[in-house]
Protein backbone atom coordinates (compact mmCIF):
# COMPACT_ATOMS: atom_id res chain seq x y z
CA MET A 1 17.67 5.52 28.87
CA SER A 2 16.90 4.42 25.35
CA ILE A 3 18.88 5.35 22.27
CA MET A 4 17.33 5.52 18.82
CA LEU A 5 19.51 5.98 15.75
CA GLY A 6 19.00 6.64 12.08
CA ASN A 7 16.64 8.25 9.65
CA GLN A 8 15.00 5.72 7.35
CA THR A 9 13.75 6.97 3.99
CA PRO A 10 10.44 5.77 2.55
CA GLU A 11 12.42 3.58 0.14
CA GLN A 12 14.44 2.03 2.97
CA ILE A 13 11.24 1.30 4.91
CA GLU A 14 9.72 -0.43 1.90
CA LYS A 15 12.87 -2.52 1.42
CA ARG A 16 13.04 -3.55 5.09
CA LEU A 17 9.35 -4.48 5.12
CA LYS A 18 9.95 -6.56 1.99
CA VAL A 19 6.85 -5.21 0.26
CA SER A 20 6.05 -3.08 -2.75
CA LEU A 21 4.06 -0.13 -1.50
CA SER A 22 1.49 1.41 -3.81
CA ASP A 23 2.37 4.68 -5.50
CA GLU A 24 -0.27 6.38 -3.35
CA HIS A 25 1.27 5.08 -0.10
CA LYS A 26 4.79 5.98 -1.25
CA GLU A 27 3.65 9.53 -1.99
CA LYS A 28 1.93 9.77 1.42
CA LEU A 29 5.14 8.61 3.08
CA ARG A 30 7.23 11.17 1.20
CA SER A 31 4.85 14.05 1.86
CA THR A 32 4.52 13.42 5.61
CA TRP A 33 8.13 12.44 6.42
CA GLN A 34 9.80 14.60 9.05
CA GLN A 35 13.52 14.12 8.62
CA LYS A 36 14.43 15.74 11.93
CA ALA A 37 13.62 13.39 14.82
CA GLU A 38 13.01 16.08 17.42
CA HIS A 39 9.45 17.21 18.18
CA ILE A 40 7.68 15.23 15.49
CA ALA A 41 4.68 17.30 14.39
CA ASP A 42 1.10 16.07 14.28
CA GLY A 43 0.48 14.32 10.97
CA LYS A 44 4.20 13.65 10.44
CA TRP A 45 6.45 10.64 11.05
CA HIS A 46 10.12 9.76 11.47
CA CYS A 47 11.49 6.22 11.16
CA PHE A 48 14.54 5.11 13.12
CA ASP A 49 16.97 2.46 11.94
CA ILE A 50 17.91 1.14 15.39
CA PRO A 51 15.47 0.04 16.59
CA PHE A 52 13.36 -0.15 13.43
CA MET A 53 10.62 2.12 14.76
CA PHE A 54 8.15 4.34 12.91
CA VAL A 55 7.34 7.23 15.25
CA CYS A 56 4.38 9.49 14.54
CA GLY A 57 3.57 12.93 15.85
CA ASP A 58 0.17 11.87 17.19
CA ILE A 59 -1.90 8.76 17.83
CA GLU A 60 -4.28 9.33 14.90
CA THR A 61 -1.36 9.38 12.47
CA ALA A 62 0.03 6.21 14.08
CA LYS A 63 -3.33 4.46 13.64
CA LYS A 64 -3.54 5.56 10.01
CA TRP A 65 -0.08 4.20 9.22
CA ARG A 66 -0.70 1.02 11.20
CA ASP A 67 -3.75 0.34 9.03
CA ILE A 68 -1.84 1.11 5.84
CA PHE A 69 1.11 -1.13 6.72
CA MET A 70 -1.19 -3.93 7.91
CA SER A 71 -2.86 -3.96 4.48
CA TYR A 72 0.37 -5.55 3.17
CA ASP A 73 1.75 -9.02 3.77
CA LEU A 74 4.40 -8.36 6.41
CA SER A 75 5.15 -12.01 7.11
CA LYS A 76 8.69 -11.63 5.72
CA ALA A 77 9.38 -8.24 7.28
CA GLU A 78 11.74 -7.73 10.16
CA LEU A 79 10.33 -6.55 13.48
CA PHE A 80 8.70 -3.17 12.89
CA GLN A 81 7.25 -0.97 15.61
CA ILE A 82 4.88 1.97 15.28
CA SER A 83 4.58 4.51 18.06
CA TRP A 84 3.67 8.14 18.66
CA ARG A 85 4.98 10.89 20.80
CA SER A 86 2.95 11.99 23.78
CA ASP A 87 3.35 15.35 25.43
């Protein structure tokens, strides 16, 4: 059994990644954030605090966010995982 805790805001994610996200990426984060962790919808995401995991509603959304986050220098960021739910 795994336990995942927390609900990271876009601002908290940016701080933990130790990057300054573009205004466009911040707005995309805000507009697609699903605050409730249950049944994450396609196109939406939820980020847990423990472990620091960005969970997307589908694989295409996970790939999109992976590419966005990888466009930044994450060399100083703490371990950050991206995943998606599968039904």
